[in-house]
Amino acid sequence: VTGGENPLHSAALNVPHGVNLMANTSVLGLGVPLTPVTVAFGSQVAF
């Protein structure tokens, strides 16, 4: 959300191939609306 990156794929893990987030439990329906919480307080509080 904050970086305008593709929400369905990430190259931050499994370098050099990346991860198909849509094929994993990416819970974008929670992660996107909780972005302000994650940015302000971190991933543990968001979880």
All heavy atoms as atom14 arrays in JSON, in Angstrom:
{
  "sequence": "VTGGENPLHSAALNVPHGVNLMANTSVLGLGVPLTPVTVAFGSQVAF",
  "atom14_mask": [
    [1, 1, 1, 1, 1, 1, 1, 0, 0, 0, 0, 0, 0, 0],
    [1, 1, 1, 1, 1, 1, 1, 0, 0, 0, 0, 0, 0, 0],
    [1, 1, 1, 1, 0, 0, 0, 0, 0, 0, 0, 0, 0, 0],
    [1, 1, 1, 1, 0, 0, 0, 0, 0, 0, 0, 0, 0, 0],
    [1, 1, 1, 1, 1, 1, 1, 1, 1, 0, 0, 0, 0, 0],
    [1, 1, 1, 1, 1, 1, 1, 1, 0, 0, 0, 0, 0, 0],
    [1, 1, 1, 1, 1, 1, 1, 0, 0, 0, 0, 0, 0, 0],
    [1, 1, 1, 1, 1, 1, 1, 1, 0, 0, 0, 0, 0, 0],
    [1, 1, 1, 1, 1, 1, 1, 1, 1, 1, 0, 0, 0, 0],
    [1, 1, 1, 1, 1, 1, 0, 0, 0, 0, 0, 0, 0, 0],
    [1, 1, 1, 1, 1, 0, 0, 0, 0, 0, 0, 0, 0, 0],
    [1, 1, 1, 1, 1, 0, 0, 0, 0, 0, 0, 0, 0, 0],
    [1, 1, 1, 1, 1, 1, 1, 1, 0, 0, 0, 0, 0, 0],
    [1, 1, 1, 1, 1, 1, 1, 1, 0, 0, 0, 0, 0, 0],
    [1, 1, 1, 1, 1, 1, 1, 0, 0, 0, 0, 0, 0, 0],
    [1, 1, 1, 1, 1, 1, 1, 0, 0, 0, 0, 0, 0, 0],
    [1, 1, 1, 1, 1, 1, 1, 1, 1, 1, 0, 0, 0, 0],
    [1, 1, 1, 1, 0, 0, 0, 0, 0, 0, 0, 0, 0, 0],
    [1, 1, 1, 1, 1, 1, 1, 0, 0, 0, 0, 0, 0, 0],
    [1, 1, 1, 1, 1, 1, 1, 1, 0, 0, 0, 0, 0, 0],
    [1, 1, 1, 1, 1, 1, 1, 1, 0, 0, 0, 0, 0, 0],
    [1, 1, 1, 1, 1, 1, 1, 1, 0, 0, 0, 0, 0, 0],
    [1, 1, 1, 1, 1, 0, 0, 0, 0, 0, 0, 0, 0, 0],
    [1, 1, 1, 1, 1, 1, 1, 1, 0, 0, 0, 0, 0, 0],
    [1, 1, 1, 1, 1, 1, 1, 0, 0, 0, 0, 0, 0, 0],
    [1, 1, 1, 1, 1, 1, 0, 0, 0, 0, 0, 0, 0, 0],
    [1, 1, 1, 1, 1, 1, 1, 0, 0, 0, 0, 0, 0, 0],
    [1, 1, 1, 1, 1, 1, 1, 1, 0, 0, 0, 0, 0, 0],
    [1, 1, 1, 1, 0, 0, 0, 0, 0, 0, 0, 0, 0, 0],
    [1, 1, 1, 1, 1, 1, 1, 1, 0, 0, 0, 0, 0, 0],
    [1, 1, 1, 1, 0, 0, 0, 0, 0, 0, 0, 0, 0, 0],
    [1, 1, 1, 1, 1, 1, 1, 0, 0, 0, 0, 0, 0, 0],
    [1, 1, 1, 1, 1, 1, 1, 0, 0, 0, 0, 0, 0, 0],
    [1, 1, 1, 1, 1, 1, 1, 1, 0, 0, 0, 0, 0, 0],
    [1, 1, 1, 1, 1, 1, 1, 0, 0, 0, 0, 0, 0, 0],
    [1, 1, 1, 1, 1, 1, 1, 0, 0, 0, 0, 0, 0, 0],
    [1, 1, 1, 1, 1, 1, 1, 0, 0, 0, 0, 0, 0, 0],
    [1, 1, 1, 1, 1, 1, 1, 0, 0, 0, 0, 0, 0, 0],
    [1, 1, 1, 1, 1, 1, 1, 0, 0, 0, 0, 0, 0, 0],
    [1, 1, 1, 1, 1, 0, 0, 0, 0, 0, 0, 0, 0, 0],
    [1, 1, 1, 1, 1, 1, 1, 1, 1, 1, 1, 0, 0, 0],
    [1, 1, 1, 1, 0, 0, 0, 0, 0, 0, 0, 0, 0, 0],
    [1, 1, 1, 1, 1, 1, 0, 0, 0, 0, 0, 0, 0, 0],
    [1, 1, 1, 1, 1, 1, 1, 1, 1, 0, 0, 0, 0, 0],
    [1, 1, 1, 1, 1, 1, 1, 0, 0, 0, 0, 0, 0, 0],
    [1, 1, 1, 1, 1, 0, 0, 0, 0, 0, 0, 0, 0, 0],
    [1, 1, 1, 1, 1, 1, 1, 1, 1, 1, 1, 0, 0, 0]
  ],
  "atom14_positions": [
    [[0.83, -1.21, 0.0], [0.0, 0.0, 0.0], [0.86, 1.25, 0.0], [0.67, 2.17, -0.81], [-0.95, 0.0, 1.22], [-1.68, 1.34, 1.33], [-1.95, -1.14, 1.11], [0.0, 0.0, 0.0], [0.0, 0.0, 0.0], [0.0, 0.0, 0.0], [0.0, 0.0, 0.0], [0.0, 0.0, 0.0], [0.0, 0.0, 0.0], [0.0, 0.0, 0.0]],
    [[1.82, 1.32, 0.91], [2.63, 2.54, 1.04], [3.65, 2.7, -0.08], [4.02, 3.83, -0.43], [3.37, 2.54, 2.39], [4.19, 1.36, 2.5], [2.37, 2.56, 3.54], [0.0, 0.0, 0.0], [0.0, 0.0, 0.0], [0.0, 0.0, 0.0], [0.0, 0.0, 0.0], [0.0, 0.0, 0.0], [0.0, 0.0, 0.0], [0.0, 0.0, 0.0]],
    [[4.09, 1.58, -0.65], [5.11, 1.66, -1.7], [4.58, 1.46, -3.1], [5.36, 1.49, -4.06], [0.0, 0.0, 0.0], [0.0, 0.0, 0.0], [0.0, 0.0, 0.0], [0.0, 0.0, 0.0], [0.0, 0.0, 0.0], [0.0, 0.0, 0.0], [0.0, 0.0, 0.0], [0.0, 0.0, 0.0], [0.0, 0.0, 0.0], [0.0, 0.0, 0.0]],
    [[3.26, 1.23, -3.23], [2.69, 1.03, -4.56], [3.19, -0.23, -5.25], [3.32, -0.26, -6.47], [0.0, 0.0, 0.0], [0.0, 0.0, 0.0], [0.0, 0.0, 0.0], [0.0, 0.0, 0.0], [0.0, 0.0, 0.0], [0.0, 0.0, 0.0], [0.0, 0.0, 0.0], [0.0, 0.0, 0.0], [0.0, 0.0, 0.0], [0.0, 0.0, 0.0]],
    [[3.48, -1.29, -4.47], [4.02, -2.52, -5.04], [2.91, -3.51, -5.36], [1.78, -3.38, -4.89], [5.02, -3.15, -4.06], [6.21, -2.25, -3.76], [7.17, -2.88, -2.78], [6.95, -4.05, -2.39], [8.14, -2.2, -2.36], [0.0, 0.0, 0.0], [0.0, 0.0, 0.0], [0.0, 0.0, 0.0], [0.0, 0.0, 0.0], [0.0, 0.0, 0.0]],
    [[3.25, -4.51, -6.16], [2.3, -5.56, -6.53], [1.9, -6.35, -5.3], [2.75, -6.99, -4.67], [2.93, -6.49, -7.56], [1.98, -7.59, -8.03], [0.82, -7.63, -7.64], [2.49, -8.49, -8.85], [0.0, 0.0, 0.0], [0.0, 0.0, 0.0], [0.0, 0.0, 0.0], [0.0, 0.0, 0.0], [0.0, 0.0, 0.0], [0.0, 0.0, 0.0]],
    [[0.62, -6.34, -4.89], [0.22, -7.06, -3.67], [0.15, -8.56, -3.85], [0.01, -9.29, -2.87], [-1.16, -6.48, -3.37], [-1.7, -6.09, -4.71], [-0.51, -5.62, -5.5], [0.0, 0.0, 0.0], [0.0, 0.0, 0.0], [0.0, 0.0, 0.0], [0.0, 0.0, 0.0], [0.0, 0.0, 0.0], [0.0, 0.0, 0.0], [0.0, 0.0, 0.0]],
    [[0.25, -9.05, -5.09], [0.08, -10.48, -5.36], [1.4, -11.24, -5.43], [1.39, -12.47, -5.48], [-0.69, -10.68, -6.68], [-2.02, -9.93, -6.81], [-2.67, -10.28, -8.14], [-2.94, -10.25, -5.65], [0.0, 0.0, 0.0], [0.0, 0.0, 0.0], [0.0, 0.0, 0.0], [0.0, 0.0, 0.0], [0.0, 0.0, 0.0], [0.0, 0.0, 0.0]],
    [[2.5, -10.54, -5.45], [3.81, -11.18, -5.56], [4.84, -10.37, -4.79], [4.72, -9.15, -4.69], [4.23, -11.3, -7.03], [5.48, -12.1, -7.24], [6.73, -11.53, -7.21], [5.67, -13.42, -7.49], [7.65, -12.47, -7.42], [7.03, -13.62, -7.6], [0.0, 0.0, 0.0], [0.0, 0.0, 0.0], [0.0, 0.0, 0.0], [0.0, 0.0, 0.0]],
    [[5.84, -11.04, -4.23], [6.89, -10.33, -3.5], [8.25, -10.95, -3.8], [8.39, -12.18, -3.86], [6.63, -10.38, -2.0], [7.71, -9.76, -1.29], [0.0, 0.0, 0.0], [0.0, 0.0, 0.0], [0.0, 0.0, 0.0], [0.0, 0.0, 0.0], [0.0, 0.0, 0.0], [0.0, 0.0, 0.0], [0.0, 0.0, 0.0], [0.0, 0.0, 0.0]],
    [[9.23, -10.07, -3.99], [10.6, -10.52, -4.17], [11.42, -10.37, -2.9], [12.62, -10.6, -2.9], [11.26, -9.71, -5.29], [0.0, 0.0, 0.0], [0.0, 0.0, 0.0], [0.0, 0.0, 0.0], [0.0, 0.0, 0.0], [0.0, 0.0, 0.0], [0.0, 0.0, 0.0], [0.0, 0.0, 0.0], [0.0, 0.0, 0.0], [0.0, 0.0, 0.0]],
    [[10.76, -10.01, -1.8], [11.48, -9.8, -0.54], [11.88, -11.11, 0.12], [12.78, -11.12, 0.96], [10.61, -8.98, 0.42], [0.0, 0.0, 0.0], [0.0, 0.0, 0.0], [0.0, 0.0, 0.0], [0.0, 0.0, 0.0], [0.0, 0.0, 0.0], [0.0, 0.0, 0.0], [0.0, 0.0, 0.0], [0.0, 0.0, 0.0], [0.0, 0.0, 0.0]],
    [[11.22, -12.21, -0.24], [11.59, -13.54, 0.26], [11.91, -14.44, -0.94], [11.59, -14.11, -2.09], [10.45, -14.16, 1.06], [10.22, -13.7, 2.5], [9.07, -14.48, 3.1], [11.47, -13.84, 3.35], [0.0, 0.0, 0.0], [0.0, 0.0, 0.0], [0.0, 0.0, 0.0], [0.0, 0.0, 0.0], [0.0, 0.0, 0.0], [0.0, 0.0, 0.0]],
    [[12.52, -15.57, -0.63], [12.83, -16.57, -1.65], [13.61, -15.96, -2.82], [13.34, -16.25, -3.99], [11.54, -17.22, -2.18], [11.82, -18.43, -3.05], [12.8, -19.14, -2.86], [10.93, -18.67, -4.01], [0.0, 0.0, 0.0], [0.0, 0.0, 0.0], [0.0, 0.0, 0.0], [0.0, 0.0, 0.0], [0.0, 0.0, 0.0], [0.0, 0.0, 0.0]],
    [[14.55, -15.1, -2.49], [15.41, -14.55, -3.54], [16.19, -15.72, -4.18], [16.68, -16.6, -3.47], [16.38, -13.52, -2.91], [17.37, -13.01, -3.94], [15.6, -12.37, -2.29], [0.0, 0.0, 0.0], [0.0, 0.0, 0.0], [0.0, 0.0, 0.0], [0.0, 0.0, 0.0], [0.0, 0.0, 0.0], [0.0, 0.0, 0.0], [0.0, 0.0, 0.0]],
    [[16.26, -15.79, -5.49], [15.91, -14.77, -6.48], [14.54, -14.93, -7.13], [14.22, -14.18, -8.06], [17.0, -14.97, -7.53], [17.22, -16.46, -7.53], [17.06, -16.88, -6.09], [0.0, 0.0, 0.0], [0.0, 0.0, 0.0], [0.0, 0.0, 0.0], [0.0, 0.0, 0.0], [0.0, 0.0, 0.0], [0.0, 0.0, 0.0], [0.0, 0.0, 0.0]],
    [[13.73, -15.88, -6.68], [12.49, -16.2, -7.41], [11.27, -15.46, -6.87], [10.32, -15.21, -7.61], [12.23, -17.7, -7.38], [13.36, -18.52, -7.94], [13.72, -18.46, -9.26], [14.22, -19.39, -7.35], [14.74, -19.28, -9.48], [15.07, -19.85, -8.34], [0.0, 0.0, 0.0], [0.0, 0.0, 0.0], [0.0, 0.0, 0.0], [0.0, 0.0, 0.0]],
    [[11.25, -15.14, -5.59], [10.09, -14.49, -5.02], [8.99, -15.46, -4.65], [9.13, -16.69, -4.8], [0.0, 0.0, 0.0], [0.0, 0.0, 0.0], [0.0, 0.0, 0.0], [0.0, 0.0, 0.0], [0.0, 0.0, 0.0], [0.0, 0.0, 0.0], [0.0, 0.0, 0.0], [0.0, 0.0, 0.0], [0.0, 0.0, 0.0], [0.0, 0.0, 0.0]],
    [[7.87, -14.91, -4.16], [6.76, -15.71, -3.64], [5.46, -15.25, -4.28], [5.18, -14.05, -4.35], [6.65, -15.59, -2.11], [5.48, -16.41, -1.58], [7.95, -16.02, -1.43], [0.0, 0.0, 0.0], [0.0, 0.0, 0.0], [0.0, 0.0, 0.0], [0.0, 0.0, 0.0], [0.0, 0.0, 0.0], [0.0, 0.0, 0.0], [0.0, 0.0, 0.0]],
    [[4.67, -16.21, -4.73], [3.33, -15.93, -5.23], [2.42, -15.78, -4.01], [2.0, -16.78, -3.41], [2.86, -17.06, -6.14], [1.55, -16.75, -6.83], [0.67, -16.12, -6.27], [1.41, -17.22, -8.07], [0.0, 0.0, 0.0], [0.0, 0.0, 0.0], [0.0, 0.0, 0.0], [0.0, 0.0, 0.0], [0.0, 0.0, 0.0], [0.0, 0.0, 0.0]],
    [[2.12, -14.56, -3.64], [1.33, -14.31, -2.43], [-0.13, -14.7, -2.63], [-0.79, -15.09, -1.67], [1.43, -12.83, -2.04], [2.85, -12.32, -1.76], [2.79, -10.84, -1.38], [3.51, -13.13, -0.66], [0.0, 0.0, 0.0], [0.0, 0.0, 0.0], [0.0, 0.0, 0.0], [0.0, 0.0, 0.0], [0.0, 0.0, 0.0], [0.0, 0.0, 0.0]],
    [[-0.63, -14.62, -3.84], [-2.01, -14.99, -4.09], [-2.21, -16.49, -3.89], [-3.3, -16.94, -3.54], [-2.42, -14.59, -5.52], [-3.91, -14.64, -5.78], [-4.82, -13.47, -4.75], [-6.44, -14.24, -4.79], [0.0, 0.0, 0.0], [0.0, 0.0, 0.0], [0.0, 0.0, 0.0], [0.0, 0.0, 0.0], [0.0, 0.0, 0.0], [0.0, 0.0, 0.0]],
    [[-1.14, -17.27, -4.1], [-1.21, -18.71, -3.91], [-0.91, -19.11, -2.48], [-0.89, -20.29, -2.16], [-0.23, -19.41, -4.86], [0.0, 0.0, 0.0], [0.0, 0.0, 0.0], [0.0, 0.0, 0.0], [0.0, 0.0, 0.0], [0.0, 0.0, 0.0], [0.0, 0.0, 0.0], [0.0, 0.0, 0.0], [0.0, 0.0, 0.0], [0.0, 0.0, 0.0]],
    [[-0.66, -18.14, -1.62], [-0.45, -18.38, -0.2], [-1.49, -17.58, 0.59], [-2.28, -16.83, 0.03], [0.97, -17.95, 0.2], [2.02, -18.95, -0.25], [2.39, -19.85, 0.47], [2.51, -18.8, -1.49], [0.0, 0.0, 0.0], [0.0, 0.0, 0.0], [0.0, 0.0, 0.0], [0.0, 0.0, 0.0], [0.0, 0.0, 0.0], [0.0, 0.0, 0.0]],
    [[-1.49, -17.77, 1.89], [-2.51, -17.12, 2.72], [-2.07, -15.69, 3.04], [-1.64, -15.38, 4.15], [-2.71, -17.91, 4.02], [-1.44, -18.13, 4.65], [-3.35, -19.25, 3.74], [0.0, 0.0, 0.0], [0.0, 0.0, 0.0], [0.0, 0.0, 0.0], [0.0, 0.0, 0.0], [0.0, 0.0, 0.0], [0.0, 0.0, 0.0], [0.0, 0.0, 0.0]],
    [[-2.22, -14.8, 2.06], [-1.7, -13.44, 2.21], [-2.64, -12.5, 2.96], [-2.23, -11.39, 3.3], [-1.4, -12.85, 0.83], [-2.54, -12.91, -0.01], [0.0, 0.0, 0.0], [0.0, 0.0, 0.0], [0.0, 0.0, 0.0], [0.0, 0.0, 0.0], [0.0, 0.0, 0.0], [0.0, 0.0, 0.0], [0.0, 0.0, 0.0], [0.0, 0.0, 0.0]],
    [[-3.88, -12.9, 3.24], [-4.88, -12.12, 4.0], [-4.83, -10.64, 3.67], [-4.81, -9.78, 4.56], [-4.75, -12.36, 5.52], [-5.19, -13.74, 5.9], [-3.33, -12.11, 6.05], [0.0, 0.0, 0.0], [0.0, 0.0, 0.0], [0.0, 0.0, 0.0], [0.0, 0.0, 0.0], [0.0, 0.0, 0.0], [0.0, 0.0, 0.0], [0.0, 0.0, 0.0]],
    [[-4.85, -10.31, 2.39], [-4.86, -8.91, 1.98], [-6.11, -8.18, 2.5], [-6.07, -6.97, 2.73], [-4.8, -8.8, 0.46], [-3.45, -9.17, -0.18], [-3.6, -9.3, -1.68], [-2.39, -8.14, 0.18], [0.0, 0.0, 0.0], [0.0, 0.0, 0.0], [0.0, 0.0, 0.0], [0.0, 0.0, 0.0], [0.0, 0.0, 0.0], [0.0, 0.0, 0.0]],
    [[-7.19, -8.93, 2.68], [-8.41, -8.32, 3.2], [-8.27, -7.8, 4.61], [-9.05, -6.94, 5.04], [0.0, 0.0, 0.0], [0.0, 0.0, 0.0], [0.0, 0.0, 0.0], [0.0, 0.0, 0.0], [0.0, 0.0, 0.0], [0.0, 0.0, 0.0], [0.0, 0.0, 0.0], [0.0, 0.0, 0.0], [0.0, 0.0, 0.0], [0.0, 0.0, 0.0]],
    [[-7.28, -8.3, 5.35], [-6.96, -7.75, 6.66], [-5.76, -6.81, 6.58], [-5.75, -5.74, 7.2], [-6.64, -8.89, 7.64], [-7.78, -9.78, 8.09], [-7.25, -10.96, 8.88], [-8.78, -9.0, 8.93], [0.0, 0.0, 0.0], [0.0, 0.0, 0.0], [0.0, 0.0, 0.0], [0.0, 0.0, 0.0], [0.0, 0.0, 0.0], [0.0, 0.0, 0.0]],
    [[-4.75, -7.19, 5.82], [-3.52, -6.42, 5.79], [-3.67, -5.04, 5.21], [-3.07, -4.08, 5.72], [0.0, 0.0, 0.0], [0.0, 0.0, 0.0], [0.0, 0.0, 0.0], [0.0, 0.0, 0.0], [0.0, 0.0, 0.0], [0.0, 0.0, 0.0], [0.0, 0.0, 0.0], [0.0, 0.0, 0.0], [0.0, 0.0, 0.0], [0.0, 0.0, 0.0]],
    [[-4.46, -4.89, 4.15], [-4.61, -3.58, 3.52], [-5.31, -2.59, 4.46], [-4.8, -1.49, 4.7], [-5.34, -3.72, 2.17], [-5.7, -2.35, 1.63], [-4.46, -4.46, 1.18], [0.0, 0.0, 0.0], [0.0, 0.0, 0.0], [0.0, 0.0, 0.0], [0.0, 0.0, 0.0], [0.0, 0.0, 0.0], [0.0, 0.0, 0.0], [0.0, 0.0, 0.0]],
    [[-6.49, -2.91, 5.02], [-7.11, -1.94, 5.93], [-6.33, -1.72, 7.23], [-6.49, -0.66, 7.86], [-8.49, -2.55, 6.22], [-8.38, -3.99, 5.88], [-7.37, -4.07, 4.78], [0.0, 0.0, 0.0], [0.0, 0.0, 0.0], [0.0, 0.0, 0.0], [0.0, 0.0, 0.0], [0.0, 0.0, 0.0], [0.0, 0.0, 0.0], [0.0, 0.0, 0.0]],
    [[-5.51, -2.68, 7.63], [-4.72, -2.51, 8.85], [-3.37, -1.83, 8.59], [-2.55, -1.74, 9.5], [-4.47, -3.87, 9.52], [-5.66, -4.49, 10.26], [-5.3, -5.87, 10.78], [-6.1, -3.59, 11.41], [0.0, 0.0, 0.0], [0.0, 0.0, 0.0], [0.0, 0.0, 0.0], [0.0, 0.0, 0.0], [0.0, 0.0, 0.0], [0.0, 0.0, 0.0]],
    [[-3.16, -1.34, 7.38], [-1.89, -0.69, 7.05], [-1.52, 0.43, 8.02], [-0.36, 0.5, 8.47], [-1.93, -0.15, 5.61], [-1.96, -1.26, 4.71], [-0.71, 0.7, 5.3], [0.0, 0.0, 0.0], [0.0, 0.0, 0.0], [0.0, 0.0, 0.0], [0.0, 0.0, 0.0], [0.0, 0.0, 0.0], [0.0, 0.0, 0.0], [0.0, 0.0, 0.0]],
    [[-2.43, 1.32, 8.4], [-2.04, 2.37, 9.37], [-1.56, 1.8, 10.69], [-0.61, 2.33, 11.28], [-3.34, 3.18, 9.55], [-4.13, 2.93, 8.31], [-3.82, 1.52, 7.92], [0.0, 0.0, 0.0], [0.0, 0.0, 0.0], [0.0, 0.0, 0.0], [0.0, 0.0, 0.0], [0.0, 0.0, 0.0], [0.0, 0.0, 0.0], [0.0, 0.0, 0.0]],
    [[-2.17, 0.7, 11.16], [-1.74, 0.07, 12.39], [-0.35, -0.53, 12.22], [0.53, -0.39, 13.08], [-2.75, -1.0, 12.83], [-2.27, -1.71, 14.1], [-4.12, -0.37, 13.08], [0.0, 0.0, 0.0], [0.0, 0.0, 0.0], [0.0, 0.0, 0.0], [0.0, 0.0, 0.0], [0.0, 0.0, 0.0], [0.0, 0.0, 0.0], [0.0, 0.0, 0.0]],
    [[-0.14, -1.22, 11.12], [1.15, -1.87, 10.87], [2.27, -0.84, 10.78], [3.34, -1.02, 11.34], [1.09, -2.7, 9.58], [-0.04, -3.58, 9.63], [2.34, -3.54, 9.41], [0.0, 0.0, 0.0], [0.0, 0.0, 0.0], [0.0, 0.0, 0.0], [0.0, 0.0, 0.0], [0.0, 0.0, 0.0], [0.0, 0.0, 0.0], [0.0, 0.0, 0.0]],
    [[2.02, 0.24, 10.05], [3.05, 1.26, 9.87], [3.35, 1.97, 11.18], [4.51, 2.23, 11.52], [2.61, 2.28, 8.8], [3.56, 3.46, 8.73], [2.51, 1.6, 7.43], [0.0, 0.0, 0.0], [0.0, 0.0, 0.0], [0.0, 0.0, 0.0], [0.0, 0.0, 0.0], [0.0, 0.0, 0.0], [0.0, 0.0, 0.0], [0.0, 0.0, 0.0]],
    [[2.31, 2.24, 11.98], [2.49, 3.01, 13.21], [3.03, 2.17, 14.35], [3.86, 2.64, 15.14], [1.17, 3.67, 13.61], [0.0, 0.0, 0.0], [0.0, 0.0, 0.0], [0.0, 0.0, 0.0], [0.0, 0.0, 0.0], [0.0, 0.0, 0.0], [0.0, 0.0, 0.0], [0.0, 0.0, 0.0], [0.0, 0.0, 0.0], [0.0, 0.0, 0.0]],
    [[2.59, 0.9, 14.46], [2.91, 0.11, 15.65], [3.64, -1.2, 15.37], [4.05, -1.88, 16.3], [1.62, -0.21, 16.42], [0.85, 1.02, 16.82], [-0.3, 1.39, 16.14], [1.28, 1.81, 17.86], [-1.02, 2.52, 16.49], [0.57, 2.95, 18.24], [-0.58, 3.3, 17.54], [0.0, 0.0, 0.0], [0.0, 0.0, 0.0], [0.0, 0.0, 0.0]],
    [[3.78, -1.58, 14.12], [4.52, -2.78, 13.8], [3.64, -3.98, 13.53], [2.42, -3.98, 13.78], [0.0, 0.0, 0.0], [0.0, 0.0, 0.0], [0.0, 0.0, 0.0], [0.0, 0.0, 0.0], [0.0, 0.0, 0.0], [0.0, 0.0, 0.0], [0.0, 0.0, 0.0], [0.0, 0.0, 0.0], [0.0, 0.0, 0.0], [0.0, 0.0, 0.0]],
    [[4.27, -5.04, 13.04], [3.54, -6.23, 12.6], [2.92, -7.01, 13.75], [1.86, -7.62, 13.59], [4.47, -7.14, 11.79], [5.56, -7.59, 12.59], [0.0, 0.0, 0.0], [0.0, 0.0, 0.0], [0.0, 0.0, 0.0], [0.0, 0.0, 0.0], [0.0, 0.0, 0.0], [0.0, 0.0, 0.0], [0.0, 0.0, 0.0], [0.0, 0.0, 0.0]],
    [[3.55, -7.01, 14.92], [3.0, -7.78, 16.03], [1.69, -7.19, 16.5], [0.7, -7.91, 16.72], [3.99, -7.84, 17.2], [3.51, -8.72, 18.36], [4.52, -8.81, 19.47], [5.37, -7.94, 19.64], [4.45, -9.87, 20.26], [0.0, 0.0, 0.0], [0.0, 0.0, 0.0], [0.0, 0.0, 0.0], [0.0, 0.0, 0.0], [0.0, 0.0, 0.0]],
    [[1.64, -5.88, 16.68], [0.39, -5.23, 17.08], [-0.68, -5.43, 16.01], [-1.84, -5.7, 16.32], [0.62, -3.74, 17.36], [-0.71, -3.01, 17.58], [1.52, -3.55, 18.57], [0.0, 0.0, 0.0], [0.0, 0.0, 0.0], [0.0, 0.0, 0.0], [0.0, 0.0, 0.0], [0.0, 0.0, 0.0], [0.0, 0.0, 0.0], [0.0, 0.0, 0.0]],
    [[-0.29, -5.32, 14.75], [-1.26, -5.52, 13.67], [-1.83, -6.93, 13.71], [-3.04, -7.14, 13.49], [-0.6, -5.25, 12.32], [0.0, 0.0, 0.0], [0.0, 0.0, 0.0], [0.0, 0.0, 0.0], [0.0, 0.0, 0.0], [0.0, 0.0, 0.0], [0.0, 0.0, 0.0], [0.0, 0.0, 0.0], [0.0, 0.0, 0.0], [0.0, 0.0, 0.0]],
    [[-0.98, -7.92, 13.98], [-1.45, -9.3, 14.06], [-2.44, -9.46, 15.21], [-3.5, -10.08, 15.05], [-0.26, -10.24, 14.26], [-0.65, -11.68, 14.45], [-0.96, -12.48, 13.37], [-0.73, -12.23, 15.73], [-1.33, -13.81, 13.55], [-1.1, -13.55, 15.92], [-1.4, -14.35, 14.83], [0.0, 0.0, 0.0], [0.0, 0.0, 0.0], [0.0, 0.0, 0.0]]
  ]
}
